[in-house]
Amino acid sequence: MMRSIYDLAAFQKKLTDYLYWYNYKRPHSSLKYMSPMTFIQSIIPKSA
């Protein structure tokens, strides 16, 4: 059973936490088990 979320602030916090985890922490197999942000940082040349 799905629980309804009536507290908009709590929903926004949970969504933000999930998106942070998904993009900064979770390894993706299609990116050679790197997080999306780690992958992006690995292909963008560092400025001098």
PDB file of N, CA and C in Angstrom:
ATOM      1  N   MET A   1       0.845  -1.179   0.000  1.00  0.00           N
ATOM      2  CA  MET A   1       0.000   0.000   0.000  1.00  0.00           C
ATOM      3  C   MET A   1       0.889   1.240   0.000  1.00  0.00           C
ATOM      4  N   MET A   2       0.543   2.177  -0.837  1.00  0.00           N
ATOM      5  CA  MET A   2       1.307   3.414  -0.932  1.00  0.00           C
ATOM      6  C   MET A   2       0.800   4.420   0.089  1.00  0.00           C
ATOM      7  N   ARG A   3       1.715   5.078   0.745  1.00  0.00           N
ATOM      8  CA  ARG A   3       1.342   6.068   1.744  1.00  0.00           C
ATOM      9  C   ARG A   3       1.306   7.440   1.088  1.00  0.00           C
ATOM     10  N   SER A   4       0.259   8.180   1.346  1.00  0.00           N
ATOM     11  CA  SER A   4       0.142   9.534   0.803  1.00  0.00           C
ATOM     12  C   SER A   4       0.990  10.491   1.624  1.00  0.00           C
ATOM     13  N   ILE A   5       1.587  11.441   0.942  1.00  0.00           N
ATOM     14  CA  ILE A   5       2.391  12.455   1.634  1.00  0.00           C
ATOM     15  C   ILE A   5       1.636  13.769   1.536  1.00  0.00           C
ATOM     16  N   TYR A   6       1.245  14.270   2.679  1.00  0.00           N
ATOM     17  CA  TYR A   6       0.494  15.516   2.715  1.00  0.00           C
ATOM     18  C   TYR A   6       1.368  16.699   3.125  1.00  0.00           C
ATOM     19  N   ASP A   7       2.542  16.404   3.629  1.00  0.00           N
ATOM     20  CA  ASP A   7       3.450  17.452   4.079  1.00  0.00           C
ATOM     21  C   ASP A   7       4.408  17.784   2.935  1.00  0.00           C
ATOM     22  N   LEU A   8       4.168  18.908   2.283  1.00  0.00           N
ATOM     23  CA  LEU A   8       4.962  19.287   1.117  1.00  0.00           C
ATOM     24  C   LEU A   8       6.437  19.460   1.469  1.00  0.00           C
ATOM     25  N   ALA A   9       6.734  20.058   2.600  1.00  0.00           N
ATOM     26  CA  ALA A   9       8.137  20.261   2.999  1.00  0.00           C
ATOM     27  C   ALA A   9       8.836  18.917   3.203  1.00  0.00           C
ATOM     28  N   ALA A  10       8.157  17.952   3.811  1.00  0.00           N
ATOM     29  CA  ALA A  10       8.756  16.631   4.028  1.00  0.00           C
ATOM     30  C   ALA A  10       8.984  15.933   2.688  1.00  0.00           C
ATOM     31  N   PHE A  11       8.031  16.062   1.781  1.00  0.00           N
ATOM     32  CA  PHE A  11       8.180  15.469   0.451  1.00  0.00           C
ATOM     33  C   PHE A  11       9.377  16.069  -0.281  1.00  0.00           C
ATOM     34  N   GLN A  12       9.499  17.392  -0.250  1.00  0.00           N
ATOM     35  CA  GLN A  12      10.609  18.057  -0.934  1.00  0.00           C
ATOM     36  C   GLN A  12      11.949  17.622  -0.350  1.00  0.00           C
ATOM     37  N   LYS A  13      12.022  17.459   0.967  1.00  0.00           N
ATOM     38  CA  LYS A  13      13.259  17.018   1.624  1.00  0.00           C
ATOM     39  C   LYS A  13      13.611  15.598   1.175  1.00  0.00           C
ATOM     40  N   LYS A  14      12.621  14.699   1.173  1.00  0.00           N
ATOM     41  CA  LYS A  14      12.876  13.322   0.751  1.00  0.00           C
ATOM     42  C   LYS A  14      13.292  13.258  -0.714  1.00  0.00           C
ATOM     43  N   LEU A  15      12.656  14.050  -1.551  1.00  0.00           N
ATOM     44  CA  LEU A  15      13.005  14.070  -2.971  1.00  0.00           C
ATOM     45  C   LEU A  15      14.420  14.601  -3.176  1.00  0.00           C
ATOM     46  N   THR A  16      14.767  15.678  -2.497  1.00  0.00           N
ATOM     47  CA  THR A  16      16.107  16.252  -2.598  1.00  0.00           C
ATOM     48  C   THR A  16      17.159  15.250  -2.131  1.00  0.00           C
ATOM     49  N   ASP A  17      16.893  14.572  -1.023  1.00  0.00           N
ATOM     50  CA  ASP A  17      17.828  13.568  -0.515  1.00  0.00           C
ATOM     51  C   ASP A  17      18.015  12.432  -1.522  1.00  0.00           C
ATOM     52  N   TYR A  18      16.917  11.982  -2.117  1.00  0.00           N
ATOM     53  CA  TYR A  18      16.997  10.902  -3.100  1.00  0.00           C
ATOM     54  C   TYR A  18      17.794  11.334  -4.332  1.00  0.00           C
ATOM     55  N   LEU A  19      17.509  12.517  -4.847  1.00  0.00           N
ATOM     56  CA  LEU A  19      18.209  12.994  -6.042  1.00  0.00           C
ATOM     57  C   LEU A  19      19.699  13.176  -5.766  1.00  0.00           C
ATOM     58  N   TYR A  20      20.043  13.642  -4.571  1.00  0.00           N
ATOM     59  CA  TYR A  20      21.459  13.772  -4.202  1.00  0.00           C
ATOM     60  C   TYR A  20      22.117  12.393  -4.208  1.00  0.00           C
ATOM     61  N   TRP A  21      21.466  11.431  -3.556  1.00  0.00           N
ATOM     62  CA  TRP A  21      22.010  10.072  -3.511  1.00  0.00           C
ATOM     63  C   TRP A  21      22.167   9.508  -4.921  1.00  0.00           C
ATOM     64  N   TYR A  22      21.141   9.678  -5.740  1.00  0.00           N
ATOM     65  CA  TYR A  22      21.143   9.102  -7.083  1.00  0.00           C
ATOM     66  C   TYR A  22      22.247   9.700  -7.959  1.00  0.00           C
ATOM     67  N   ASN A  23      22.485  10.981  -7.857  1.00  0.00           N
ATOM     68  CA  ASN A  23      23.448  11.646  -8.735  1.00  0.00           C
ATOM     69  C   ASN A  23      24.862  11.755  -8.170  1.00  0.00           C
ATOM     70  N   TYR A  24      25.017  11.686  -6.854  1.00  0.00           N
ATOM     71  CA  TYR A  24      26.343  11.872  -6.259  1.00  0.00           C
ATOM     72  C   TYR A  24      26.905  10.622  -5.604  1.00  0.00           C
ATOM     73  N   LYS A  25      26.062   9.688  -5.207  1.00  0.00           N
ATOM     74  CA  LYS A  25      26.536   8.528  -4.439  1.00  0.00           C
ATOM     75  C   LYS A  25      26.333   7.199  -5.159  1.00  0.00           C
ATOM     76  N   ARG A  26      25.221   7.000  -5.835  1.00  0.00           N
ATOM     77  CA  ARG A  26      24.863   5.702  -6.402  1.00  0.00           C
ATOM     78  C   ARG A  26      25.714   5.378  -7.613  1.00  0.00           C
ATOM     79  N   PRO A  27      26.408   4.242  -7.597  1.00  0.00           N
ATOM     80  CA  PRO A  27      27.162   3.837  -8.783  1.00  0.00           C
ATOM     81  C   PRO A  27      26.221   3.337  -9.880  1.00  0.00           C
ATOM     82  N   HIS A  28      26.507   3.720 -11.103  1.00  0.00           N
ATOM     83  CA  HIS A  28      25.709   3.305 -12.255  1.00  0.00           C
ATOM     84  C   HIS A  28      26.561   2.379 -13.114  1.00  0.00           C
ATOM     85  N   SER A  29      26.031   1.221 -13.427  1.00  0.00           N
ATOM     86  CA  SER A  29      26.805   0.248 -14.196  1.00  0.00           C
ATOM     87  C   SER A  29      27.164   0.781 -15.587  1.00  0.00           C
ATOM     88  N   SER A  30      26.282   1.582 -16.178  1.00  0.00           N
ATOM     89  CA  SER A  30      26.565   2.122 -17.514  1.00  0.00           C
ATOM     90  C   SER A  30      27.678   3.168 -17.494  1.00  0.00           C
ATOM     91  N   LEU A  31      28.031   3.645 -16.301  1.00  0.00           N
ATOM     92  CA  LEU A  31      29.109   4.636 -16.169  1.00  0.00           C
ATOM     93  C   LEU A  31      30.332   4.009 -15.503  1.00  0.00           C
ATOM     94  N   LYS A  32      30.497   2.723 -15.724  1.00  0.00           N
ATOM     95  CA  LYS A  32      31.624   1.970 -15.145  1.00  0.00           C
ATOM     96  C   LYS A  32      31.619   2.048 -13.611  1.00  0.00           C
ATOM     97  N   TYR A  33      30.418   1.967 -13.064  1.00  0.00           N
ATOM     98  CA  TYR A  33      30.193   1.956 -11.617  1.00  0.00           C
ATOM     99  C   TYR A  33      30.682   3.225 -10.924  1.00  0.00           C
ATOM    100  N   MET A  34      30.535   4.334 -11.618  1.00  0.00           N
ATOM    101  CA  MET A  34      30.781   5.644 -11.014  1.00  0.00           C
ATOM    102  C   MET A  34      29.441   6.347 -10.862  1.00  0.00           C
ATOM    103  N   SER A  35      29.383   7.299  -9.950  1.00  0.00           N
ATOM    104  CA  SER A  35      28.185   8.125  -9.864  1.00  0.00           C
ATOM    105  C   SER A  35      28.188   9.079 -11.058  1.00  0.00           C
ATOM    106  N   PRO A  36      27.032   9.604 -11.441  1.00  0.00           N
ATOM    107  CA  PRO A  36      27.010  10.540 -12.569  1.00  0.00           C
ATOM    108  C   PRO A  36      27.950  11.733 -12.375  1.00  0.00           C
ATOM    109  N   MET A  37      27.994  12.285 -11.185  1.00  0.00           N
ATOM    110  CA  MET A  37      28.860  13.447 -10.973  1.00  0.00           C
ATOM    111  C   MET A  37      30.339  13.065 -11.052  1.00  0.00           C
ATOM    112  N   THR A  38      30.697  11.920 -10.527  1.00  0.00           N
ATOM    113  CA  THR A  38      32.084  11.461 -10.633  1.00  0.00           C
ATOM    114  C   THR A  38      32.453  11.227 -12.092  1.00  0.00           C
ATOM    115  N   PHE A  39      31.542  10.638 -12.843  1.00  0.00           N
ATOM    116  CA  PHE A  39      31.783  10.401 -14.260  1.00  0.00           C
ATOM    117  C   PHE A  39      31.994  11.718 -15.015  1.00  0.00           C
ATOM    118  N   ILE A  40      31.114  12.678 -14.783  1.00  0.00           N
ATOM    119  CA  ILE A  40      31.231  13.985 -15.450  1.00  0.00           C
ATOM    120  C   ILE A  40      32.567  14.634 -15.104  1.00  0.00           C
ATOM    121  N   GLN A  41      32.934  14.577 -13.824  1.00  0.00           N
ATOM    122  CA  GLN A  41      34.209  15.172 -13.413  1.00  0.00           C
ATOM    123  C   GLN A  41      35.398  14.450 -14.029  1.00  0.00           C
ATOM    124  N   SER A  42      35.239  13.182 -14.343  1.00  0.00           N
ATOM    125  CA  SER A  42      36.364  12.437 -14.918  1.00  0.00           C
ATOM    126  C   SER A  42      36.549  12.715 -16.412  1.00  0.00           C
ATOM    127  N   ILE A  43      35.511  13.203 -17.097  1.00  0.00           N
ATOM    128  CA  ILE A  43      35.657  13.439 -18.539  1.00  0.00           C
ATOM    129  C   ILE A  43      35.848  14.907 -18.897  1.00  0.00           C
ATOM    130  N   ILE A  44      35.582  15.791 -17.944  1.00  0.00           N
ATOM    131  CA  ILE A  44      35.774  17.222 -18.203  1.00  0.00           C
ATOM    132  C   ILE A  44      37.194  17.592 -17.811  1.00  0.00           C
ATOM    133  N   PRO A  45      37.957  18.171 -18.734  1.00  0.00           N
ATOM    134  CA  PRO A  45      39.339  18.560 -18.376  1.00  0.00           C
ATOM    135  C   PRO A  45      39.328  19.620 -17.269  1.00  0.00           C
ATOM    136  N   LYS A  46      40.253  19.452 -16.363  1.00  0.00           N
ATOM    137  CA  LYS A  46      40.379  20.431 -15.288  1.00  0.00           C
ATOM    138  C   LYS A  46      41.059  21.691 -15.825  1.00  0.00           C
ATOM    139  N   SER A  47      40.547  22.839 -15.436  1.00  0.00           N
ATOM    140  CA  SER A  47      41.152  24.092 -15.895  1.00  0.00           C
ATOM    141  C   SER A  47      42.439  24.364 -15.132  1.00  0.00           C
ATOM    142  N   ALA A  48      43.350  24.995 -15.776  1.00  0.00           N
ATOM    143  CA  ALA A  48      44.667  25.249 -15.190  1.00  0.00           C
ATOM    144  C   ALA A  48      44.632  26.367 -14.203  1.00  0.00           C
TER     145      ALA A  48
END
